[in-house]
Structure formats: structure tokens, C-alpha cells
Amino acid sequence: MKELLLADAHQLSASLSEYEATRQQIERAEYETFTLSKADFDDLVFMEANDAVWANNQQLVDTLTLKGKSRTLKEVVDRILKVYPHERPIEVFKQLSEDEPWFEGCFLISARFDPRLMGELLIRPLAAYEKPAHSPNIRFYLEDGNHRALVYAVYLRLCAEVYQPVRVIFSKNWTHLYPWAQLTS
């Protein structure tokens, strides 16, 4: 994990001194793995949509990830199912992917989704600027694995399956990726 982050940081850094500082921060970062309860999974904060990610359908983006409002997985799924009231996850994501290409990944995952094969999600604490939009008991931002987590959340809702605990990789120290954000737990 640290090597992947180091490679990304190396590509982004403009100078050798910045690269070296980033490398040292990554080496000091501590990661832990654990499983999420159903409540913590539902309360994962879904990605912050921006023009660089979802540029093709601003109305849909505004509907699913309201600016300044909470974006937990549960709330995003509620909003999705209000716009796309289908009975099967694959139907939801087929329609969504036609309206917004970012969801093509969700459509592909939903075709043969198996929660046992989901893998770990990468999470971090909410940044100080993200906290005002969420209740105090919301703790984690979904850093990587948004497609898989969203498919699983829709799958749980529509298929009435029993929640299979999701493993996550967590770190409190993200200054190597977000030097501008004051991350707090």
C-alpha cells in the first residue's frame, strides 16, 4: 500500500525535495485494518462529486450529492433509488451509467456482484471542512472503493441480503495526500 502511495506521490511531486518530504510522510503513516459494522458502512461518506469526475450530467450530480448536505452511502442510495426506482441493482446501474459514465464501473460490478469478493475499502477520517455537513457520529470518508461500496449498498437495499462485514484499510494521517486538509478523527 505504501509503495503505491509513494509512486503516486512521486508522479505528482514537482521537485526532488517535495518527493523526499512526501516519502518520509508515507513511511510514518500508520494503517490499520478492521471490519465495519452495518451502521458504519451505511454512514461512510461517499465521494465528493466535482466537475472533473462527473462532468456529463450536472443535474444528476446535484441530485445525488447535494452540496453542503450529508453524503453517506445510505443517503446517496436513497437519492439514487428515488430517481431510478428499479427492483434489481443491475437495472439501477444500467440506467445510471447511461446518464453518467462514471457509473459504468458500478454497472459492471453489479452484473456478478458477490460481497465475499468485494475486497477492502480505503477510508480516512472526515476532513475538518467535511464535518459540518454530517452528524457528529459520522466518522469515515470513503477514499477508495466508491464503485464497490455503492453497488453493495444498493444490493443490500434491493436484495434484502444480510450484511456481510466489509474490511477496510484506515489511516488517520493523510497529510502526504492532502497537505491542505486538516484531517481529524
Protein backbone atom coordinates (compact mmCIF):
# COMPACT_ATOMS: atom_id res chain seq x y z
CA MET A 1 0.00 0.00 0.00
CA LYS A 2 2.71 2.45 0.99
CA GLU A 3 4.60 1.74 -2.24
CA LEU A 4 1.53 2.56 -4.34
CA LEU A 5 1.04 5.83 -2.48
CA LEU A 6 4.74 6.58 -2.84
CA ALA A 7 4.57 6.01 -6.61
CA ASP A 8 1.55 8.30 -6.90
CA ALA A 9 3.25 10.96 -4.82
CA HIS A 10 6.38 10.69 -6.96
CA GLN A 11 4.36 11.35 -10.13
CA LEU A 12 2.66 14.36 -8.56
CA SER A 13 5.68 15.97 -6.98
CA ALA A 14 7.34 18.85 -8.77
CA SER A 15 10.75 18.57 -7.14
CA LEU A 16 13.08 16.09 -5.50
CA SER A 17 12.74 17.84 -2.13
CA GLU A 18 8.91 17.60 -2.28
CA TYR A 19 9.20 13.94 -3.24
CA GLU A 20 11.53 13.24 -0.33
CA ALA A 21 9.22 15.00 2.15
CA THR A 22 6.24 13.04 0.83
CA ARG A 23 8.15 9.77 1.03
CA GLN A 24 9.01 10.45 4.68
CA GLN A 25 5.35 11.24 5.48
CA ILE A 26 4.20 8.00 3.84
CA GLU A 27 6.76 5.98 5.78
CA ARG A 28 5.42 7.48 9.04
CA ALA A 29 1.77 6.81 8.14
CA GLU A 30 0.19 4.02 10.12
CA TYR A 31 -2.54 1.89 8.63
CA GLU A 32 -4.90 -0.46 10.38
CA THR A 33 -7.43 -2.89 9.04
CA PHE A 34 -10.75 -3.77 10.61
CA THR A 35 -14.30 -4.63 9.64
CA LEU A 36 -17.13 -2.14 9.58
CA SER A 37 -20.41 -2.61 11.35
CA LYS A 38 -23.52 -2.22 9.19
CA ALA A 39 -24.13 1.23 10.70
CA ASP A 40 -20.58 2.39 9.93
CA PHE A 41 -20.85 1.04 6.39
CA ASP A 42 -24.13 2.93 5.83
CA ASP A 43 -22.50 6.06 7.28
CA LEU A 44 -19.42 6.03 5.04
CA VAL A 45 -19.24 9.42 3.34
CA PHE A 46 -19.47 8.92 -0.41
CA MET A 47 -17.17 10.78 -2.77
CA GLU A 48 -17.44 14.49 -3.23
CA ALA A 49 -18.58 14.91 -6.82
CA ASN A 50 -16.87 17.59 -8.83
CA ASP A 51 -16.77 18.68 -12.44
CA ALA A 52 -13.61 16.68 -13.14
CA VAL A 53 -15.28 13.41 -12.13
CA TRP A 54 -18.93 13.74 -13.15
CA ALA A 55 -18.91 16.36 -15.85
CA ASN A 56 -21.58 14.92 -18.13
CA ASN A 57 -24.74 15.39 -16.08
CA GLN A 58 -24.60 18.20 -13.54
CA GLN A 59 -28.28 17.87 -12.66
CA LEU A 60 -27.76 14.22 -11.67
CA VAL A 61 -24.65 15.11 -9.68
CA ASP A 62 -26.54 17.83 -7.83
CA THR A 63 -29.37 15.39 -7.08
CA LEU A 64 -27.17 12.58 -5.74
CA THR A 65 -24.51 14.58 -3.89
CA LEU A 66 -26.14 17.77 -2.71
CA LYS A 67 -23.60 20.50 -1.98
CA GLY A 68 -23.28 21.18 1.73
CA LYS A 69 -25.52 18.20 2.62
CA SER A 70 -24.64 14.82 4.05
CA ARG A 71 -23.41 12.22 1.53
CA THR A 72 -23.48 8.98 3.47
CA LEU A 73 -23.86 5.81 1.42
CA LYS A 74 -27.34 5.33 2.87
CA GLU A 75 -28.44 8.82 1.80
CA VAL A 76 -26.89 8.55 -1.66
CA VAL A 77 -28.64 5.19 -2.19
CA ASP A 78 -31.94 6.77 -1.07
CA ARG A 79 -31.45 9.52 -3.66
CA ILE A 80 -30.45 7.06 -6.40
CA LEU A 81 -33.46 4.83 -5.82
CA LYS A 82 -35.78 7.82 -5.85
CA VAL A 83 -34.52 8.73 -9.35
CA TYR A 84 -34.08 5.12 -10.56
CA PRO A 85 -36.78 3.02 -8.85
CA HIS A 86 -35.77 -0.37 -10.26
CA GLU A 87 -36.00 -3.71 -8.48
CA ARG A 88 -32.53 -5.08 -9.29
CA PRO A 89 -29.13 -3.42 -8.77
CA ILE A 90 -28.01 -4.16 -12.33
CA GLU A 91 -31.07 -2.30 -13.68
CA VAL A 92 -30.34 0.69 -11.44
CA PHE A 93 -26.73 0.91 -12.58
CA LYS A 94 -27.54 0.27 -16.23
CA GLN A 95 -29.79 3.34 -16.21
CA LEU A 96 -27.33 5.37 -14.12
CA SER A 97 -24.42 4.51 -16.41
CA GLU A 98 -26.41 5.66 -19.43
CA ASP A 99 -26.97 9.01 -17.72
CA GLU A 100 -23.46 9.38 -16.25
CA PRO A 101 -20.41 7.39 -17.47
CA TRP A 102 -18.79 7.28 -14.00
CA PHE A 103 -21.38 4.63 -13.06
CA GLU A 104 -20.24 2.22 -15.79
CA GLY A 105 -17.92 0.69 -13.20
CA CYS A 106 -20.90 0.13 -10.91
CA PHE A 107 -22.85 -1.45 -13.76
CA LEU A 108 -20.01 -3.90 -14.47
CA ILE A 109 -19.59 -4.78 -10.79
CA SER A 110 -23.34 -5.24 -10.30
CA ALA A 111 -23.54 -7.80 -13.11
CA ARG A 112 -21.93 -10.51 -10.96
CA PHE A 113 -21.70 -8.93 -7.55
CA ASP A 114 -20.61 -11.14 -4.67
CA PRO A 115 -19.94 -9.39 -1.33
CA ARG A 116 -17.45 -12.10 -0.36
CA LEU A 117 -15.19 -10.95 -3.21
CA MET A 118 -15.51 -7.22 -2.58
CA GLY A 119 -12.07 -6.66 -1.09
CA GLU A 120 -11.00 -3.91 1.28
CA LEU A 121 -12.11 -0.31 1.06
CA LEU A 122 -9.72 2.54 1.83
CA ILE A 123 -11.11 5.01 4.37
CA ARG A 124 -9.93 8.06 6.25
CA PRO A 125 -11.34 10.37 8.91
CA LEU A 126 -13.53 13.22 7.74
CA ALA A 127 -11.62 16.39 7.00
CA ALA A 128 -12.48 19.47 9.05
CA TYR A 129 -14.21 21.06 6.05
CA GLU A 130 -16.38 17.94 5.54
CA LYS A 131 -17.66 17.65 9.11
CA PRO A 132 -20.28 20.45 9.12
CA ALA A 133 -22.45 18.62 6.55
CA HIS A 134 -22.62 15.44 8.64
CA SER A 135 -23.88 14.49 12.08
CA PRO A 136 -21.21 14.04 14.79
CA ASN A 137 -21.48 10.23 14.70
CA ILE A 138 -20.36 10.13 11.04
CA ARG A 139 -16.65 9.31 11.20
CA PHE A 140 -15.26 7.97 7.92
CA TYR A 141 -14.81 9.16 4.34
CA LEU A 142 -14.70 6.52 1.62
CA GLU A 143 -11.38 7.30 -0.03
CA ASP A 144 -11.21 4.39 -2.46
CA GLY A 145 -13.73 1.73 -3.38
CA ASN A 146 -16.68 4.02 -4.11
CA HIS A 147 -17.95 1.88 -7.01
CA ARG A 148 -17.86 -1.36 -4.99
CA ALA A 149 -19.32 0.20 -1.86
CA LEU A 150 -22.16 1.84 -3.77
CA VAL A 151 -23.04 -1.41 -5.54
CA TYR A 152 -23.02 -3.25 -2.22
CA ALA A 153 -25.21 -0.60 -0.57
CA VAL A 154 -27.78 -0.82 -3.39
CA TYR A 155 -27.51 -4.62 -3.36
CA LEU A 156 -28.26 -4.72 0.38
CA ARG A 157 -31.26 -2.44 -0.02
CA LEU A 158 -32.85 -4.11 -3.04
CA CYS A 159 -31.96 -7.75 -2.43
CA ALA A 160 -32.68 -7.73 1.32
CA GLU A 161 -29.49 -9.66 1.96
CA VAL A 162 -27.83 -9.95 5.36
CA TYR A 163 -24.89 -7.56 5.70
CA GLN A 164 -21.51 -9.28 5.30
CA PRO A 165 -18.92 -7.21 7.21
CA VAL A 166 -16.68 -5.12 4.97
CA ARG A 167 -12.97 -4.94 5.64
CA VAL A 168 -11.30 -1.55 5.45
CA ILE A 169 -7.82 -0.07 5.48
CA PHE A 170 -7.77 3.02 7.67
CA SER A 171 -5.22 5.73 8.39
CA LYS A 172 -5.59 8.89 10.43
CA ASN A 173 -2.59 10.52 8.77
CA TRP A 174 -3.30 11.59 5.19
CA THR A 175 -1.07 14.67 5.04
CA HIS A 176 1.02 13.01 2.33
CA LEU A 177 -2.01 13.10 0.02
CA TYR A 178 -3.92 16.07 1.43
CA PRO A 179 -1.50 18.64 2.80
CA TRP A 180 -4.20 21.36 2.60
CA ALA A 181 -6.83 19.43 4.58
CA GLN A 182 -6.80 19.23 8.34
CA LEU A 183 -7.95 15.69 8.90
CA THR A 184 -9.33 14.88 12.29
CA SER A 185 -10.86 11.73 13.68
